[in-house]
């Protein structure tokens, strides 16, 4: 159970590379698998957001004309 807690703590600090042992019997293994799935989903989502942010930043940085934002 401590390993699952350590993985969850790492995730809360932005580290999505650690994985819990999902081979444990019963609910602990299910919890470990759920944590692993969540970490993988968050890693993919954050990577996609960073890619999009970088793409938009490149577009804005390379504009030769100004932009006016209106709400």
PDB file of N, CA and C in Angstrom:
ATOM      1  N   UNK A   1       0.832  -1.199   0.000  1.00  0.00           N
ATOM      2  CA  UNK A   1       0.000   0.000   0.000  1.00  0.00           C
ATOM      3  C   UNK A   1       0.868   1.250   0.000  1.00  0.00           C
ATOM      4  N   UNK A   2       2.026   1.174   0.631  1.00  0.00           N
ATOM      5  CA  UNK A   2       2.927   2.326   0.679  1.00  0.00           C
ATOM      6  C   UNK A   2       3.389   2.726  -0.716  1.00  0.00           C
ATOM      7  N   UNK A   3       3.592   1.729  -1.584  1.00  0.00           N
ATOM      8  CA  UNK A   3       4.058   2.023  -2.936  1.00  0.00           C
ATOM      9  C   UNK A   3       2.997   2.818  -3.696  1.00  0.00           C
ATOM     10  N   UNK A   4       1.726   2.463  -3.541  1.00  0.00           N
ATOM     11  CA  UNK A   4       0.641   3.183  -4.207  1.00  0.00           C
ATOM     12  C   UNK A   4       0.622   4.629  -3.725  1.00  0.00           C
ATOM     13  N   UNK A   5       0.808   4.814  -2.423  1.00  0.00           N
ATOM     14  CA  UNK A   5       0.848   6.170  -1.853  1.00  0.00           C
ATOM     15  C   UNK A   5       2.019   6.957  -2.428  1.00  0.00           C
ATOM     16  N   UNK A   6       3.164   6.325  -2.561  1.00  0.00           N
ATOM     17  CA  UNK A   6       4.345   7.002  -3.113  1.00  0.00           C
ATOM     18  C   UNK A   6       4.111   7.417  -4.565  1.00  0.00           C
ATOM     19  N   UNK A   7       3.455   6.555  -5.342  1.00  0.00           N
ATOM     20  CA  UNK A   7       3.163   6.886  -6.734  1.00  0.00           C
ATOM     21  C   UNK A   7       2.180   8.053  -6.792  1.00  0.00           C
ATOM     22  N   UNK A   8       1.135   8.020  -5.950  1.00  0.00           N
ATOM     23  CA  UNK A   8       0.161   9.108  -5.913  1.00  0.00           C
ATOM     24  C   UNK A   8       0.824  10.422  -5.501  1.00  0.00           C
ATOM     25  N   UNK A   9       1.731  10.361  -4.551  1.00  0.00           N
ATOM     26  CA  UNK A   9       2.455  11.569  -4.117  1.00  0.00           C
ATOM     27  C   UNK A   9       3.322  12.103  -5.250  1.00  0.00           C
ATOM     28  N   UNK A  10       4.004  11.215  -5.949  1.00  0.00           N
ATOM     29  CA  UNK A  10       4.830  11.643  -7.085  1.00  0.00           C
ATOM     30  C   UNK A  10       3.961  12.300  -8.153  1.00  0.00           C
ATOM     31  N   UNK A  11       2.786  11.732  -8.404  1.00  0.00           N
ATOM     32  CA  UNK A  11       1.879  12.312  -9.400  1.00  0.00           C
ATOM     33  C   UNK A  11       1.436  13.708  -8.983  1.00  0.00           C
ATOM     34  N   UNK A  12       1.170  13.895  -7.698  1.00  0.00           N
ATOM     35  CA  UNK A  12       0.739  15.216  -7.233  1.00  0.00           C
ATOM     36  C   UNK A  12       1.847  16.251  -7.381  1.00  0.00           C
ATOM     37  N   UNK A  13       3.086  15.786  -7.494  1.00  0.00           N
ATOM     38  CA  UNK A  13       4.228  16.673  -7.705  1.00  0.00           C
ATOM     39  C   UNK A  13       4.615  16.789  -9.181  1.00  0.00           C
ATOM     40  N   UNK A  14       3.797  16.198 -10.060  1.00  0.00           N
ATOM     41  CA  UNK A  14       4.047  16.322 -11.500  1.00  0.00           C
ATOM     42  C   UNK A  14       4.874  15.212 -12.104  1.00  0.00           C
ATOM     43  N   UNK A  15       5.203  14.202 -11.333  1.00  0.00           N
ATOM     44  CA  UNK A  15       5.993  13.079 -11.848  1.00  0.00           C
ATOM     45  C   UNK A  15       5.040  11.940 -12.208  1.00  0.00           C
ATOM     46  N   UNK A  16       4.856  11.706 -13.506  1.00  0.00           N
ATOM     47  CA  UNK A  16       3.936  10.675 -13.968  1.00  0.00           C
ATOM     48  C   UNK A  16       4.670   9.450 -14.501  1.00  0.00           C
ATOM     49  N   UNK A  17       5.933   9.302 -14.142  1.00  0.00           N
ATOM     50  CA  UNK A  17       6.726   8.186 -14.657  1.00  0.00           C
ATOM     51  C   UNK A  17       6.691   6.962 -13.755  1.00  0.00           C
ATOM     52  N   UNK A  18       6.388   7.156 -12.477  1.00  0.00           N
ATOM     53  CA  UNK A  18       6.359   6.024 -11.551  1.00  0.00           C
ATOM     54  C   UNK A  18       5.101   5.208 -11.757  1.00  0.00           C
ATOM     55  N   UNK A  19       5.192   3.905 -11.490  1.00  0.00           N
ATOM     56  CA  UNK A  19       4.040   3.014 -11.603  1.00  0.00           C
ATOM     57  C   UNK A  19       3.931   2.178 -10.333  1.00  0.00           C
ATOM     58  N   UNK A  20       2.693   1.914  -9.962  1.00  0.00           N
ATOM     59  CA  UNK A  20       2.413   1.086  -8.791  1.00  0.00           C
ATOM     60  C   UNK A  20       2.388  -0.381  -9.207  1.00  0.00           C
ATOM     61  N   UNK A  21       2.588  -1.255  -8.245  1.00  0.00           N
ATOM     62  CA  UNK A  21       2.536  -2.696  -8.493  1.00  0.00           C
ATOM     63  C   UNK A  21       1.072  -3.122  -8.548  1.00  0.00           C
ATOM     64  N   UNK A  22       0.597  -3.406  -9.747  1.00  0.00           N
ATOM     65  CA  UNK A  22      -0.806  -3.795  -9.924  1.00  0.00           C
ATOM     66  C   UNK A  22      -0.991  -5.303  -9.806  1.00  0.00           C
ATOM     67  N   UNK A  23       0.064  -6.031  -9.475  1.00  0.00           N
ATOM     68  CA  UNK A  23      -0.014  -7.480  -9.330  1.00  0.00           C
ATOM     69  C   UNK A  23      -0.425  -7.921  -7.925  1.00  0.00           C
ATOM     70  N   UNK A  24      -0.640  -6.961  -7.035  1.00  0.00           N
ATOM     71  CA  UNK A  24      -1.072  -7.297  -5.678  1.00  0.00           C
ATOM     72  C   UNK A  24      -2.499  -7.859  -5.729  1.00  0.00           C
ATOM     73  N   UNK A  25      -2.840  -8.743  -4.818  1.00  0.00           N
ATOM     74  CA  UNK A  25      -4.185  -9.325  -4.847  1.00  0.00           C
ATOM     75  C   UNK A  25      -5.264  -8.338  -4.388  1.00  0.00           C
ATOM     76  N   UNK A  26      -6.439  -8.503  -4.925  1.00  0.00           N
ATOM     77  CA  UNK A  26      -7.609  -7.765  -4.451  1.00  0.00           C
ATOM     78  C   UNK A  26      -7.604  -6.298  -4.788  1.00  0.00           C
ATOM     79  N   UNK A  27      -8.189  -5.533  -3.876  1.00  0.00           N
ATOM     80  CA  UNK A  27      -8.398  -4.105  -4.097  1.00  0.00           C
ATOM     81  C   UNK A  27      -7.099  -3.316  -4.217  1.00  0.00           C
ATOM     82  N   UNK A  28      -6.055  -3.767  -3.553  1.00  0.00           N
ATOM     83  CA  UNK A  28      -4.767  -3.065  -3.638  1.00  0.00           C
ATOM     84  C   UNK A  28      -4.243  -3.128  -5.068  1.00  0.00           C
ATOM     85  N   UNK A  29      -4.329  -4.279  -5.704  1.00  0.00           N
ATOM     86  CA  UNK A  29      -3.905  -4.408  -7.096  1.00  0.00           C
ATOM     87  C   UNK A  29      -4.777  -3.584  -8.028  1.00  0.00           C
ATOM     88  N   UNK A  30      -6.087  -3.568  -7.755  1.00  0.00           N
ATOM     89  CA  UNK A  30      -7.009  -2.763  -8.567  1.00  0.00           C
ATOM     90  C   UNK A  30      -6.707  -1.277  -8.407  1.00  0.00           C
ATOM     91  N   UNK A  31      -6.423  -0.870  -7.181  1.00  0.00           N
ATOM     92  CA  UNK A  31      -6.055   0.521  -6.923  1.00  0.00           C
ATOM     93  C   UNK A  31      -4.753   0.869  -7.631  1.00  0.00           C
ATOM     94  N   UNK A  32      -3.793  -0.037  -7.572  1.00  0.00           N
ATOM     95  CA  UNK A  32      -2.527   0.186  -8.271  1.00  0.00           C
ATOM     96  C   UNK A  32      -2.734   0.350  -9.761  1.00  0.00           C
ATOM     97  N   UNK A  33      -3.582  -0.485 -10.359  1.00  0.00           N
ATOM     98  CA  UNK A  33      -3.862  -0.381 -11.788  1.00  0.00           C
ATOM     99  C   UNK A  33      -4.568   0.924 -12.117  1.00  0.00           C
ATOM    100  N   UNK A  34      -5.518   1.330 -11.265  1.00  0.00           N
ATOM    101  CA  UNK A  34      -6.228   2.592 -11.488  1.00  0.00           C
ATOM    102  C   UNK A  34      -5.262   3.780 -11.424  1.00  0.00           C
ATOM    103  N   UNK A  35      -4.342   3.748 -10.467  1.00  0.00           N
ATOM    104  CA  UNK A  35      -3.334   4.811 -10.345  1.00  0.00           C
ATOM    105  C   UNK A  35      -2.447   4.825 -11.589  1.00  0.00           C
ATOM    106  N   UNK A  36      -2.046   3.652 -12.051  1.00  0.00           N
ATOM    107  CA  UNK A  36      -1.208   3.570 -13.251  1.00  0.00           C
ATOM    108  C   UNK A  36      -1.938   4.112 -14.476  1.00  0.00           C
ATOM    109  N   UNK A  37      -3.218   3.764 -14.622  1.00  0.00           N
ATOM    110  CA  UNK A  37      -4.007   4.266 -15.744  1.00  0.00           C
ATOM    111  C   UNK A  37      -4.140   5.782 -15.681  1.00  0.00           C
ATOM    112  N   UNK A  38      -4.389   6.294 -14.485  1.00  0.00           N
ATOM    113  CA  UNK A  38      -4.512   7.738 -14.295  1.00  0.00           C
ATOM    114  C   UNK A  38      -3.208   8.448 -14.638  1.00  0.00           C
ATOM    115  N   UNK A  39      -2.094   7.889 -14.200  1.00  0.00           N
ATOM    116  CA  UNK A  39      -0.786   8.492 -14.490  1.00  0.00           C
ATOM    117  C   UNK A  39      -0.532   8.525 -15.991  1.00  0.00           C
ATOM    118  N   UNK A  40      -0.861   7.452 -16.686  1.00  0.00           N
ATOM    119  CA  UNK A  40      -0.648   7.403 -18.137  1.00  0.00           C
ATOM    120  C   UNK A  40      -1.548   8.409 -18.847  1.00  0.00           C
ATOM    121  N   UNK A  41      -2.812   8.492 -18.427  1.00  0.00           N
ATOM    122  CA  UNK A  41      -3.740   9.448 -19.040  1.00  0.00           C
ATOM    123  C   UNK A  41      -3.291  10.893 -18.808  1.00  0.00           C
ATOM    124  N   UNK A  42      -2.881  11.196 -17.588  1.00  0.00           N
ATOM    125  CA  UNK A  42      -2.407  12.555 -17.281  1.00  0.00           C
ATOM    126  C   UNK A  42      -1.149  12.897 -18.062  1.00  0.00           C
ATOM    127  N   UNK A  43      -0.245  11.940 -18.178  1.00  0.00           N
ATOM    128  CA  UNK A  43       0.989  12.168 -18.927  1.00  0.00           C
ATOM    129  C   UNK A  43       0.678  12.486 -20.384  1.00  0.00           C
ATOM    130  N   UNK A  44      -0.239  11.721 -20.997  1.00  0.00           N
ATOM    131  CA  UNK A  44      -0.619  11.980 -22.385  1.00  0.00           C
ATOM    132  C   UNK A  44      -1.296  13.343 -22.528  1.00  0.00           C
ATOM    133  N   UNK A  45      -2.203  13.665 -21.614  1.00  0.00           N
ATOM    134  CA  UNK A  45      -2.922  14.939 -21.686  1.00  0.00           C
ATOM    135  C   UNK A  45      -1.980  16.127 -21.533  1.00  0.00           C
ATOM    136  N   UNK A  46      -1.088  16.044 -20.573  1.00  0.00           N
ATOM    137  CA  UNK A  46      -0.147  17.145 -20.344  1.00  0.00           C
ATOM    138  C   UNK A  46       0.806  17.283 -21.521  1.00  0.00           C
ATOM    139  N   UNK A  47       1.244  16.179 -22.084  1.00  0.00           N
ATOM    140  CA  UNK A  47       2.118  16.237 -23.259  1.00  0.00           C
ATOM    141  C   UNK A  47       1.403  16.895 -24.439  1.00  0.00           C
ATOM    142  N   UNK A  48       0.136  16.534 -24.650  1.00  0.00           N
ATOM    143  CA  UNK A  48      -0.635  17.132 -25.743  1.00  0.00           C
ATOM    144  C   UNK A  48      -0.834  18.622 -25.521  1.00  0.00           C
ATOM    145  N   UNK A  49      -1.111  19.016 -24.295  1.00  0.00           N
ATOM    146  CA  UNK A  49      -1.274  20.438 -23.987  1.00  0.00           C
ATOM    147  C   UNK A  49       0.021  21.218 -24.192  1.00  0.00           C
ATOM    148  N   UNK A  50       1.132  20.643 -23.795  1.00  0.00           N
ATOM    149  CA  UNK A  50       2.414  21.318 -23.972  1.00  0.00           C
ATOM    150  C   UNK A  50       2.764  21.441 -25.453  1.00  0.00           C
ATOM    151  N   UNK A  51       2.459  20.414 -26.226  1.00  0.00           N
ATOM    152  CA  UNK A  51       2.705  20.473 -27.664  1.00  0.00           C
ATOM    153  C   UNK A  51       1.882  21.583 -28.292  1.00  0.00           C
ATOM    154  N   UNK A  52       0.616  21.664 -27.925  1.00  0.00           N
ATOM    155  CA  UNK A  52      -0.261  22.713 -28.461  1.00  0.00           C
ATOM    156  C   UNK A  52       0.197  24.099 -28.012  1.00  0.00           C
ATOM    157  N   UNK A  53       0.590  24.220 -26.748  1.00  0.00           N
ATOM    158  CA  UNK A  53       1.091  25.506 -26.256  1.00  0.00           C
ATOM    159  C   UNK A  53       2.320  25.945 -27.046  1.00  0.00           C
ATOM    160  N   UNK A  54       3.241  25.010 -27.284  1.00  0.00           N
ATOM    161  CA  UNK A  54       4.455  25.341 -28.032  1.00  0.00           C
ATOM    162  C   UNK A  54       4.135  25.722 -29.473  1.00  0.00           C
ATOM    163  N   UNK A  55       3.155  25.034 -30.069  1.00  0.00           N
ATOM    164  CA  UNK A  55       2.755  25.354 -31.434  1.00  0.00           C
ATOM    165  C   UNK A  55       2.176  26.767 -31.500  1.00  0.00           C
ATOM    166  N   UNK A  56       1.297  27.087 -30.564  1.00  0.00           N
ATOM    167  CA  UNK A  56       0.702  28.427 -30.539  1.00  0.00           C
ATOM    168  C   UNK A  56       1.748  29.495 -30.237  1.00  0.00           C
ATOM    169  N   UNK A  57       2.675  29.183 -29.364  1.00  0.00           N
ATOM    170  CA  UNK A  57       3.734  30.141 -29.038  1.00  0.00           C
ATOM    171  C   UNK A  57       4.587  30.435 -30.275  1.00  0.00           C
ATOM    172  N   UNK A  58       4.900  29.400 -31.060  1.00  0.00           N
ATOM    173  CA  UNK A  58       5.675  29.601 -32.288  1.00  0.00           C
ATOM    174  C   UNK A  58       4.914  30.470 -33.281  1.00  0.00           C
ATOM    175  N   UNK A  59       3.617  30.232 -33.396  1.00  0.00           N
ATOM    176  CA  UNK A  59       2.806  31.038 -34.306  1.00  0.00           C
ATOM    177  C   UNK A  59       2.838  32.495 -33.872  1.00  0.00           C
ATOM    178  N   UNK A  60       2.601  32.740 -32.596  1.00  0.00           N
ATOM    179  CA  UNK A  60       2.573  34.124 -32.105  1.00  0.00           C
ATOM    180  C   UNK A  60       3.938  34.790 -32.185  1.00  0.00           C
ATOM    181  N   UNK A  61       4.985  34.060 -31.895  1.00  0.00           N
ATOM    182  CA  UNK A  61       6.328  34.630 -31.929  1.00  0.00           C
ATOM    183  C   UNK A  61       6.766  34.990 -33.345  1.00  0.00           C
ATOM    184  N   UNK A  62       6.217  34.302 -34.348  1.00  0.00           N
ATOM    185  CA  UNK A  62       6.649  34.530 -35.721  1.00  0.00           C
ATOM    186  C   UNK A  62       5.710  35.430 -36.514  1.00  0.00           C
ATOM    187  N   UNK A  63       4.726  36.009 -35.861  1.00  0.00           N
ATOM    188  CA  UNK A  63       3.839  36.938 -36.555  1.00  0.00           C
ATOM    189  C   UNK A  63       4.566  38.248 -36.810  1.00  0.00           C
ATOM    190  N   UNK A  64       4.399  38.770 -37.991  1.00  0.00           N
ATOM    191  CA  UNK A  64       5.021  40.054 -38.297  1.00  0.00           C
ATOM    192  C   UNK A  64       4.068  41.223 -38.023  1.00  0.00           C
ATOM    193  N   UNK A  65       2.809  40.907 -37.788  1.00  0.00           N
ATOM    194  CA  UNK A  65       1.810  41.932 -37.473  1.00  0.00           C
ATOM    195  C   UNK A  65       1.328  41.731 -36.046  1.00  0.00           C
ATOM    196  N   UNK A  66       0.725  42.772 -35.496  1.00  0.00           N
ATOM    197  CA  UNK A  66       0.225  42.696 -34.135  1.00  0.00           C
ATOM    198  C   UNK A  66      -1.103  41.950 -34.060  1.00  0.00           C
ATOM    199  N   UNK A  67      -1.478  41.610 -32.847  1.00  0.00           N
ATOM    200  CA  UNK A  67      -2.761  40.934 -32.586  1.00  0.00           C
ATOM    201  C   UNK A  67      -3.494  41.727 -31.519  1.00  0.00           C
ATOM    202  N   UNK A  68      -4.773  41.895 -31.740  1.00  0.00           N
ATOM    203  CA  UNK A  68      -5.621  42.547 -30.731  1.00  0.00           C
ATOM    204  C   UNK A  68      -6.591  41.492 -30.221  1.00  0.00           C
ATOM    205  N   UNK A  69      -6.628  41.307 -28.930  1.00  0.00           N
ATOM    206  CA  UNK A  69      -7.560  40.354 -28.321  1.00  0.00           C
ATOM    207  C   UNK A  69      -8.736  41.137 -27.757  1.00  0.00           C
ATOM    208  N   UNK A  70      -9.940  40.730 -28.127  1.00  0.00           N
ATOM    209  CA  UNK A  70     -11.147  41.397 -27.664  1.00  0.00           C
ATOM    210  C   UNK A  70     -12.023  40.363 -26.983  1.00  0.00           C
ATOM    211  N   UNK A  71     -12.551  40.748 -25.835  1.00  0.00           N
ATOM    212  CA  UNK A  71     -13.421  39.843 -25.107  1.00  0.00           C
ATOM    213  C   UNK A  71     -14.860  40.271 -25.264  1.00  0.00           C
TER     214      UNK A  71
END
